Amino acid sequence: MRNRRFLAVILLAVFVTRAPLAAVDGKKAMYVGGTRADIKEAAEGLFEVNSETEMAFTPDKTKVRHTIAHKDVTELEYGQKAGRRVAVGLLVSPLALFSKKRKHYLTINFKDDTGKDQAVVFELGKDIVRTTLAIMEARTGKKIEYQDEEARKSGKGGM
């Protein structure tokens, strides 16, 4: 009995320490990284694609609006990363050990004002993925490149 309890504590510690960081809010985006030094990595905020001329990201903390003109976008790529949900639901249900949480990543390659190649990567909240991808594709005229078939299904709503 004592060995089982010890094993359970060890397994719990392993799962909790390997649990992914908190996910981005479902209706927001997070700047993961890229060549934009004026945006802090892991900044979460509003990702806007409703303008006909540009997309914008406004981090919650700074409220500074960062834009990329649709005409400057050279490539769009979408991919996912699946992780385990452990820390969130561990105390609620043992079934939480078997649930997956997907992170949705949009990479935007573009030319800056000087014509230099730039790239940014955003993690999109699950509630804005499909709409954002469709609008970005329509506004930029660039086809989204999907990293794999699973990403294609998710990004296009299972088509």
Protein backbone atom coordinates (compact mmCIF):
# COMPACT_ATOMS: atom_id res chain seq x y z
CA MET A 1 0.00 0.00 0.00
CA ARG A 2 2.81 2.37 0.89
CA ASN A 3 4.58 1.68 -2.43
CA ARG A 4 1.39 2.49 -4.36
CA ARG A 5 0.96 5.78 -2.54
CA PHE A 6 4.61 6.66 -3.21
CA LEU A 7 4.21 5.75 -6.89
CA ALA A 8 1.03 7.84 -7.13
CA VAL A 9 2.82 10.89 -5.66
CA ILE A 10 5.74 10.47 -8.07
CA LEU A 11 3.40 10.13 -11.08
CA LEU A 12 1.43 13.17 -9.97
CA ALA A 13 4.63 15.21 -9.67
CA VAL A 14 5.78 14.12 -13.14
CA PHE A 15 2.44 14.99 -14.75
CA VAL A 16 2.14 18.35 -13.02
CA THR A 17 5.68 19.42 -13.89
CA ARG A 18 5.18 18.40 -17.52
CA ALA A 19 1.80 20.14 -17.80
CA PRO A 20 1.71 22.91 -20.41
CA LEU A 21 1.49 26.51 -19.29
CA ALA A 22 -1.91 28.10 -19.18
CA ALA A 23 -3.50 28.29 -22.60
CA VAL A 24 -4.34 31.49 -24.36
CA ASP A 25 -7.90 32.74 -23.84
CA GLY A 26 -10.28 31.26 -26.45
CA LYS A 27 -11.01 34.61 -28.09
CA LYS A 28 -7.51 36.09 -27.96
CA ALA A 29 -4.05 35.40 -29.32
CA MET A 30 -0.56 35.25 -27.85
CA TYR A 31 2.64 36.40 -29.54
CA VAL A 32 4.91 33.37 -29.41
CA GLY A 33 7.89 34.93 -31.14
CA GLY A 34 9.40 36.18 -34.34
CA THR A 35 11.35 39.08 -35.70
CA ARG A 36 9.19 41.82 -34.17
CA ALA A 37 11.30 43.16 -31.31
CA ASP A 38 8.57 45.66 -30.46
CA ILE A 39 6.25 42.90 -29.17
CA LYS A 40 7.08 41.07 -25.96
CA GLU A 41 7.07 37.26 -26.23
CA ALA A 42 4.10 35.58 -24.49
CA ALA A 43 2.10 38.81 -24.72
CA GLU A 44 -1.60 37.97 -24.87
CA GLY A 45 -4.09 40.26 -26.52
CA LEU A 46 -6.60 41.01 -29.25
CA PHE A 47 -5.89 39.70 -32.76
CA GLU A 48 -7.88 41.71 -35.30
CA VAL A 49 -8.43 40.73 -38.92
CA ASN A 50 -11.58 42.74 -39.67
CA SER A 51 -9.78 45.53 -41.55
CA GLU A 52 -9.59 45.15 -45.32
CA THR A 53 -6.03 46.51 -45.38
CA GLU A 54 -4.21 45.15 -42.31
CA MET A 55 -4.20 42.71 -39.44
CA ALA A 56 -3.42 43.99 -35.94
CA PHE A 57 -2.32 42.59 -32.61
CA THR A 58 -2.87 44.63 -29.45
CA PRO A 59 -1.34 43.16 -26.28
CA ASP A 60 -3.53 43.51 -23.19
CA LYS A 61 -0.79 45.00 -21.01
CA THR A 62 0.65 47.66 -23.31
CA LYS A 63 -2.41 48.44 -25.44
CA VAL A 64 0.01 49.30 -28.29
CA ARG A 65 -1.47 48.27 -31.65
CA HIS A 66 0.95 46.40 -33.96
CA THR A 67 -0.08 46.04 -37.60
CA ILE A 68 0.92 44.12 -40.72
CA ALA A 69 -0.54 45.18 -44.06
CA HIS A 70 -2.28 42.31 -45.85
CA LYS A 71 -0.46 43.27 -49.09
CA ASP A 72 2.90 42.67 -47.35
CA VAL A 73 2.11 39.07 -46.31
CA THR A 74 4.14 36.57 -48.34
CA GLU A 75 3.15 33.31 -46.63
CA LEU A 76 0.74 31.91 -44.04
CA GLU A 77 1.21 28.65 -42.17
CA TYR A 78 -1.04 26.94 -39.62
CA GLY A 79 -0.14 24.10 -37.29
CA GLN A 80 -1.10 22.53 -34.01
CA LYS A 81 0.56 21.04 -31.01
CA ALA A 82 -1.34 18.62 -28.81
CA GLY A 83 -0.58 18.45 -25.12
CA ARG A 84 -2.10 16.75 -22.12
CA ARG A 85 -4.44 18.54 -19.76
CA VAL A 86 -3.33 17.46 -16.35
CA ALA A 87 -3.01 20.18 -13.77
CA VAL A 88 -6.37 21.75 -14.56
CA GLY A 89 -8.61 18.75 -14.12
CA LEU A 90 -6.53 16.39 -12.04
CA LEU A 91 -8.46 16.96 -8.84
CA VAL A 92 -11.80 17.05 -10.62
CA SER A 93 -11.59 13.84 -12.59
CA PRO A 94 -9.05 11.12 -13.32
CA LEU A 95 -10.33 11.26 -16.91
CA ALA A 96 -8.50 14.56 -17.25
CA LEU A 97 -5.33 12.54 -17.63
CA PHE A 98 -6.63 11.30 -20.97
CA SER A 99 -7.91 14.58 -22.42
CA LYS A 100 -5.89 16.56 -24.94
CA LYS A 101 -5.57 20.27 -25.37
CA ARG A 102 -4.54 21.62 -28.74
CA LYS A 103 -2.58 24.78 -29.29
CA HIS A 104 -3.18 26.55 -32.59
CA TYR A 105 -0.28 28.38 -34.24
CA LEU A 106 -0.39 30.86 -37.12
CA THR A 107 2.91 31.89 -38.71
CA ILE A 108 2.85 35.02 -40.84
CA ASN A 109 5.78 35.78 -43.13
CA PHE A 110 5.83 39.31 -44.52
CA LYS A 111 7.99 42.11 -45.90
CA ASP A 112 8.58 45.14 -43.69
CA ASP A 113 8.65 48.76 -44.89
CA THR A 114 12.23 48.32 -46.12
CA GLY A 115 11.44 45.12 -48.05
CA LYS A 116 13.19 42.88 -45.52
CA ASP A 117 11.72 39.44 -44.75
CA GLN A 118 10.04 39.19 -41.35
CA ALA A 119 8.07 36.49 -39.52
CA VAL A 120 5.77 36.32 -36.51
CA VAL A 121 4.13 33.37 -34.77
CA PHE A 122 0.88 33.66 -32.84
CA GLU A 123 -0.94 31.10 -30.76
CA LEU A 124 -4.62 31.59 -31.56
CA GLY A 125 -7.40 30.95 -29.07
CA LYS A 126 -9.58 28.01 -30.04
CA ASP A 127 -12.65 30.20 -30.62
CA ILE A 128 -11.01 32.36 -33.31
CA VAL A 129 -8.98 29.82 -35.30
CA ARG A 130 -11.29 29.02 -38.24
CA THR A 131 -12.56 32.55 -38.72
CA THR A 132 -9.09 34.06 -38.50
CA LEU A 133 -7.62 31.59 -40.99
CA ALA A 134 -10.44 32.13 -43.49
CA ILE A 135 -10.24 35.92 -43.25
CA MET A 136 -6.43 36.00 -43.48
CA GLU A 137 -6.53 33.80 -46.57
CA ALA A 138 -9.20 35.98 -48.21
CA ARG A 139 -7.64 39.34 -47.33
CA THR A 140 -4.02 38.46 -48.18
CA GLY A 141 -4.75 36.33 -51.24
CA LYS A 142 -2.33 33.73 -49.88
CA LYS A 143 -3.29 30.09 -49.37
CA ILE A 144 -2.70 28.78 -45.87
CA GLU A 145 -0.05 26.08 -45.74
CA TYR A 146 -1.06 23.43 -43.23
CA GLN A 147 1.68 21.61 -41.34
CA ASP A 148 -0.19 18.30 -41.51
CA GLU A 149 -3.57 16.73 -42.24
CA GLU A 150 -4.74 17.12 -38.63
CA ALA A 151 -4.11 20.86 -38.83
CA ARG A 152 -5.97 21.03 -42.16
CA LYS A 153 -9.02 19.32 -40.62
CA SER A 154 -9.03 21.61 -37.62
CA GLY A 155 -8.37 24.80 -39.58
CA LYS A 156 -11.08 24.09 -42.13
CA GLY A 157 -13.64 22.71 -39.72
CA GLY A 158 -13.15 19.05 -40.58
CA MET A 159 -13.47 19.47 -44.37
